[in-house]
Amino acid sequence: MYIHYDYLPWNDPNHINGPGHESDIGVDYSQDFHKYAVEWSPIRTIWYFDDQVVWQAFTHVEDAVHVIFNLGVMKYETGTDPPVPFIIPSSTPFPAKMYIDYFHYYTLRRDCNAIINTCTYDLPNHDNELKNQITIGGDGCENVAGANTYLRASDFISFPSGLTVPLGSTFFATTGDDYCDNPILPTYTNPSCGYIYNPCNIDFGSYNNTVKKEIILGGNSCVSEVLTNTSIDFRATDKITLLPGFSTQTGSNATLEIIPCQ
């Protein structure tokens, strides 16, 4: 499967070669039907074969494109510039046929305000919707991925510990592909000002005091504790939320500030 775009002559200085990749999956494609899929976002394209991720490329294809089904008999070799004529092997049978059982087109479901932050999570029954942030696991937490688990988040995905991916299963996590209502990330003098800090189980021993966009501590059975003799400045531009599970030990010091980006 290939993406072809910017149909300009190969010697045009503005010509762009669409990304392609050849993978030998070890399957005789003529013996049975298979599922081929492409997942597109403004910055990345992901290829699937029978629900397994086989390749991805950062494409930056933002214009409308068409889906074409054909046998892909090429006039030129791929990846050559200038192009080299493609020689069809004499053993190739003609005429040839390709049978298509169905074609489906979907729009990715998005829950742009959803934040998953929990010790244990039912990964096999994950709804595949795009979330804002995903944090699963931590000390004492155990999570087992399903046969095919796909996680998507606009900001970040974190598994502190306690994740098991069984042999033979597929686990795929991707972030940053879809910025929900705004496809362009805001520009900050300090990049951390665009970050939403939402850990699960943490003692803040290595916490950095940079200004965040938003800070959420505790909740969903998470333990966020500032230890004795520890001083921390929680600083954010938008808001700071303290939920059950956040605590400070005797002799510690925690300061919360809402300030401009620095």
Protein backbone atom coordinates (compact mmCIF):
# COMPACT_ATOMS: atom_id res chain seq x y z
CA MET A 1 0.00 0.00 0.00
CA TYR A 2 1.34 3.39 -0.97
CA ILE A 3 0.47 7.04 -0.55
CA HIS A 4 0.94 9.08 -3.73
CA TYR A 5 0.71 12.85 -3.60
CA ASP A 6 2.00 15.97 -5.34
CA TYR A 7 1.76 14.74 -8.91
CA LEU A 8 4.60 16.73 -10.44
CA PRO A 9 7.28 15.56 -12.87
CA TRP A 10 10.10 13.68 -11.16
CA ASN A 11 12.59 16.38 -12.20
CA ASP A 12 10.43 19.24 -10.88
CA PRO A 13 12.19 20.81 -7.83
CA ASN A 14 8.87 20.71 -5.92
CA HIS A 15 8.29 17.01 -6.56
CA ILE A 16 7.60 14.89 -3.47
CA ASN A 17 7.80 11.10 -3.42
CA GLY A 18 4.92 9.56 -1.52
CA PRO A 19 6.08 7.14 1.19
CA GLY A 20 5.91 3.43 0.57
CA HIS A 21 7.24 0.33 2.26
CA GLU A 22 7.50 -3.30 1.28
CA SER A 23 7.20 -5.95 3.99
CA ASP A 24 7.43 -9.71 3.58
CA ILE A 25 4.85 -10.89 6.09
CA GLY A 26 5.24 -14.51 5.01
CA VAL A 27 1.66 -14.92 3.80
CA ASP A 28 0.38 -16.30 0.48
CA TYR A 29 -2.08 -13.51 -0.29
CA SER A 30 -3.81 -15.54 -2.98
CA GLN A 31 -5.14 -18.18 -0.58
CA ASP A 32 -7.52 -16.12 1.52
CA PHE A 33 -8.98 -12.68 2.14
CA HIS A 34 -7.02 -10.31 4.38
CA LYS A 35 -7.68 -6.93 5.97
CA TYR A 36 -5.59 -4.00 4.80
CA ALA A 37 -6.00 -0.70 6.60
CA VAL A 38 -4.50 2.77 6.66
CA GLU A 39 -4.89 5.21 9.55
CA TRP A 40 -4.27 8.83 8.63
CA SER A 41 -3.58 11.87 10.77
CA PRO A 42 -2.22 15.30 9.77
CA ILE A 43 1.33 14.22 10.60
CA ARG A 44 1.44 10.43 10.41
CA THR A 45 0.17 7.48 8.37
CA ILE A 46 -0.03 3.97 9.86
CA TRP A 47 -0.42 0.78 7.80
CA TYR A 48 -2.14 -2.37 9.16
CA PHE A 49 -2.32 -5.95 7.90
CA ASP A 50 -4.94 -8.15 9.57
CA ASP A 51 -5.16 -5.69 12.49
CA GLN A 52 -1.38 -5.72 12.98
CA VAL A 53 0.68 -2.54 12.61
CA VAL A 54 3.28 -3.19 9.90
CA TRP A 55 4.61 0.27 9.09
CA GLN A 56 4.24 3.97 9.84
CA ALA A 57 5.57 7.14 8.30
CA PHE A 58 5.46 10.84 9.13
CA THR A 59 3.82 12.13 5.97
CA HIS A 60 2.31 15.59 6.60
CA VAL A 61 -0.41 14.86 4.02
CA GLU A 62 -3.05 17.47 4.82
CA ASP A 63 -4.98 17.75 1.54
CA ALA A 64 -7.90 15.61 0.39
CA VAL A 65 -6.82 12.32 -1.22
CA HIS A 66 -8.50 9.46 -3.05
CA VAL A 67 -8.53 5.73 -2.40
CA ILE A 68 -7.57 3.63 -5.42
CA PHE A 69 -7.67 -0.16 -5.74
CA ASN A 70 -5.55 -1.74 -8.46
CA LEU A 71 -3.00 -4.48 -9.08
CA GLY A 72 -0.16 -2.00 -8.87
CA VAL A 73 1.60 -2.87 -12.10
CA MET A 74 4.19 -0.12 -12.03
CA LYS A 75 5.78 1.65 -14.95
CA TYR A 76 8.90 2.51 -12.98
CA GLU A 77 10.88 1.02 -10.14
CA THR A 78 10.08 2.57 -6.74
CA GLY A 79 12.65 4.70 -4.95
CA THR A 80 14.67 5.61 -8.05
CA ASP A 81 15.36 9.16 -9.14
CA PRO A 82 15.51 9.53 -12.09
CA PRO A 83 13.03 6.68 -12.60
CA VAL A 84 14.18 3.30 -13.87
CA PRO A 85 11.72 1.32 -16.06
CA PHE A 86 10.11 -1.59 -14.22
CA ILE A 87 10.54 -4.94 -15.99
CA ILE A 88 7.61 -7.29 -15.40
CA PRO A 89 8.85 -10.88 -14.89
CA SER A 90 7.86 -13.21 -17.70
CA SER A 91 6.38 -15.58 -15.10
CA THR A 92 3.74 -13.02 -14.10
CA PRO A 93 0.34 -14.37 -15.18
CA PHE A 94 -1.90 -12.14 -17.28
CA PRO A 95 -4.75 -11.45 -17.28
CA ALA A 96 -4.85 -11.14 -13.47
CA LYS A 97 -7.66 -10.36 -11.03
CA MET A 98 -8.00 -8.90 -7.56
CA TYR A 99 -11.11 -9.63 -5.49
CA ILE A 100 -12.34 -7.11 -2.91
CA ASP A 101 -14.91 -8.20 -0.35
CA TYR A 102 -15.60 -4.78 1.18
CA PHE A 103 -14.27 -1.29 1.76
CA HIS A 104 -15.01 0.68 4.94
CA TYR A 105 -14.19 4.24 5.83
CA TYR A 106 -14.25 5.49 9.42
CA THR A 107 -13.65 8.74 11.26
CA LEU A 108 -11.65 8.38 14.46
CA ARG A 109 -13.83 8.80 17.54
CA ARG A 110 -12.52 11.54 19.77
CA ASP A 111 -13.07 12.31 23.42
CA CYS A 112 -10.74 15.27 23.63
CA ASN A 113 -11.37 16.08 27.29
CA ALA A 114 -10.98 12.53 28.60
CA ILE A 115 -8.11 11.81 30.97
CA ILE A 116 -7.46 8.19 31.94
CA ASN A 117 -5.40 8.03 35.12
CA THR A 118 -5.79 4.76 36.96
CA CYS A 119 -3.94 1.88 38.61
CA THR A 120 -5.76 -0.91 36.76
CA TYR A 121 -7.61 -0.68 33.45
CA ASP A 122 -9.60 -3.07 31.26
CA LEU A 123 -7.26 -2.88 28.25
CA PRO A 124 -8.94 -5.67 26.21
CA ASN A 125 -12.18 -3.63 26.16
CA HIS A 126 -10.65 -0.20 25.54
CA ASP A 127 -12.98 1.86 23.30
CA ASN A 128 -10.19 3.06 20.93
CA GLU A 129 -11.31 6.67 21.21
CA LEU A 130 -8.70 9.40 21.10
CA LYS A 131 -8.15 10.66 24.64
CA ASN A 132 -6.39 13.73 26.00
CA GLN A 133 -4.00 11.79 28.28
CA ILE A 134 -3.57 8.18 29.35
CA THR A 135 -1.71 7.08 32.49
CA ILE A 136 -2.16 3.43 33.48
CA GLY A 137 -0.28 1.47 36.12
CA GLY A 138 2.21 2.24 38.85
CA ASP A 139 3.65 0.49 41.89
CA GLY A 140 1.54 -2.54 42.80
CA CYS A 141 -0.63 -2.25 39.68
CA GLU A 142 -1.08 -5.09 37.17
CA ASN A 143 -2.50 -4.66 33.66
CA VAL A 144 -2.65 -7.18 30.82
CA ALA A 145 -3.09 -6.09 27.20
CA GLY A 146 -5.68 -7.75 24.98
CA ALA A 147 -5.06 -9.58 21.71
CA ASN A 148 -5.11 -6.27 19.84
CA THR A 149 -4.79 -3.16 21.99
CA TYR A 150 -4.58 0.31 20.43
CA LEU A 151 -4.24 3.45 22.54
CA ARG A 152 -4.33 6.99 21.17
CA ALA A 153 -3.91 10.28 23.04
CA SER A 154 -3.34 13.85 21.94
CA ASP A 155 -0.92 14.73 24.79
CA PHE A 156 0.77 11.66 26.22
CA ILE A 157 0.51 7.97 27.18
CA SER A 158 2.34 6.69 30.24
CA PHE A 159 2.75 3.22 31.79
CA PRO A 160 4.88 3.74 34.94
CA SER A 161 4.96 -0.03 35.64
CA GLY A 162 2.77 -3.13 35.78
CA LEU A 163 2.04 -3.69 32.07
CA THR A 164 2.13 -7.18 30.52
CA VAL A 165 1.77 -7.80 26.78
CA PRO A 166 1.10 -11.54 26.19
CA LEU A 167 3.13 -13.36 23.56
CA GLY A 168 1.41 -13.17 20.17
CA SER A 169 -0.71 -10.11 21.01
CA THR A 170 -0.41 -6.63 19.50
CA PHE A 171 0.01 -3.52 21.64
CA PHE A 172 0.23 -0.15 19.91
CA ALA A 173 0.24 3.32 21.46
CA THR A 174 0.52 6.60 19.58
CA THR A 175 0.38 10.24 20.66
CA GLY A 176 0.37 13.68 19.12
CA ASP A 177 -1.39 12.77 15.87
CA ASP A 178 -4.61 14.66 16.36
CA TYR A 179 -4.94 17.89 18.29
CA CYS A 180 -8.72 17.71 18.34
CA ASP A 181 -10.25 21.08 17.52
CA ASN A 182 -6.91 22.72 16.76
CA PRO A 183 -4.55 20.76 14.47
CA ILE A 184 -1.66 23.09 15.30
CA LEU A 185 -0.01 23.00 18.70
CA PRO A 186 0.30 26.35 20.46
CA THR A 187 3.71 27.97 20.41
CA TYR A 188 5.35 28.65 23.78
CA THR A 189 8.63 30.31 24.63
CA ASN A 190 9.02 27.50 27.15
CA PRO A 191 7.70 24.17 25.73
CA SER A 192 6.73 22.90 29.19
CA CYS A 193 3.99 25.56 29.31
CA GLY A 194 1.97 23.41 26.92
CA TYR A 195 2.29 20.29 29.10
CA ILE A 196 -0.46 18.80 31.26
CA TYR A 197 1.14 17.06 34.24
CA ASN A 198 -1.04 14.21 35.49
CA PRO A 199 0.97 11.41 37.19
CA CYS A 200 -0.59 8.50 39.05
CA ASN A 201 1.70 7.13 41.80
CA ILE A 202 4.62 9.45 42.52
CA ASP A 203 6.65 10.77 45.48
CA PHE A 204 8.00 13.82 43.58
CA GLY A 205 11.60 12.90 44.37
CA SER A 206 12.71 13.97 40.87
CA TYR A 207 10.02 16.53 40.11
CA ASN A 208 11.13 19.58 38.11
CA ASN A 209 9.63 22.95 38.95
CA THR A 210 9.04 24.16 35.39
CA VAL A 211 5.76 25.89 34.65
CA LYS A 212 3.11 23.53 33.26
CA LYS A 213 -0.15 24.24 31.47
CA GLU A 214 -2.19 22.24 33.96
CA ILE A 215 -1.38 20.07 36.99
CA ILE A 216 -3.67 17.29 38.23
CA LEU A 217 -2.60 15.32 41.31
CA GLY A 218 -4.32 12.30 42.87
CA GLY A 219 -7.63 10.71 41.89
CA ASN A 220 -8.51 7.26 40.48
CA SER A 221 -6.81 5.37 43.36
CA CYS A 222 -3.51 7.18 42.68
CA VAL A 223 -1.13 8.15 45.48
CA SER A 224 0.78 11.42 45.04
CA GLU A 225 2.78 12.24 48.15
CA VAL A 226 5.28 14.99 48.93
CA LEU A 227 7.83 13.37 51.24
CA THR A 228 9.36 14.80 54.44
CA ASN A 229 12.09 17.42 53.93
CA THR A 230 10.96 17.98 50.34
CA SER A 231 10.06 21.44 48.97
CA ILE A 232 8.17 21.65 45.70
CA ASP A 233 6.69 24.52 43.71
CA PHE A 234 3.71 23.46 41.62
CA ARG A 235 3.32 26.16 39.00
CA ALA A 236 0.83 26.22 36.11
CA THR A 237 -0.61 28.74 33.67
CA ASP A 238 -4.21 27.44 33.66
CA LYS A 239 -5.11 25.47 36.77
CA ILE A 240 -3.93 23.10 39.52
CA THR A 241 -6.30 20.36 40.76
CA LEU A 242 -5.75 18.37 43.97
CA LEU A 243 -7.82 15.19 44.23
CA PRO A 244 -8.11 12.47 46.91
CA GLY A 245 -4.80 10.62 47.06
CA PHE A 246 -2.61 13.72 47.14
CA SER A 247 -0.91 14.41 50.47
CA THR A 248 2.10 16.09 52.07
CA GLN A 249 4.12 14.54 54.87
CA THR A 250 5.10 16.40 58.04
CA GLY A 251 8.10 18.59 57.40
CA SER A 252 7.45 18.95 53.66
CA ASN A 253 6.54 22.10 51.81
CA ALA A 254 4.34 22.40 48.70
CA THR A 255 3.57 25.74 47.05
CA LEU A 256 0.88 26.14 44.37
CA GLU A 257 0.99 29.06 41.96
CA ILE A 258 -0.94 30.13 38.84
CA ILE A 259 1.47 32.30 36.87
CA PRO A 260 2.20 33.30 33.25
CA CYS A 261 4.45 31.10 31.15
CA GLN A 262 8.11 31.65 31.99
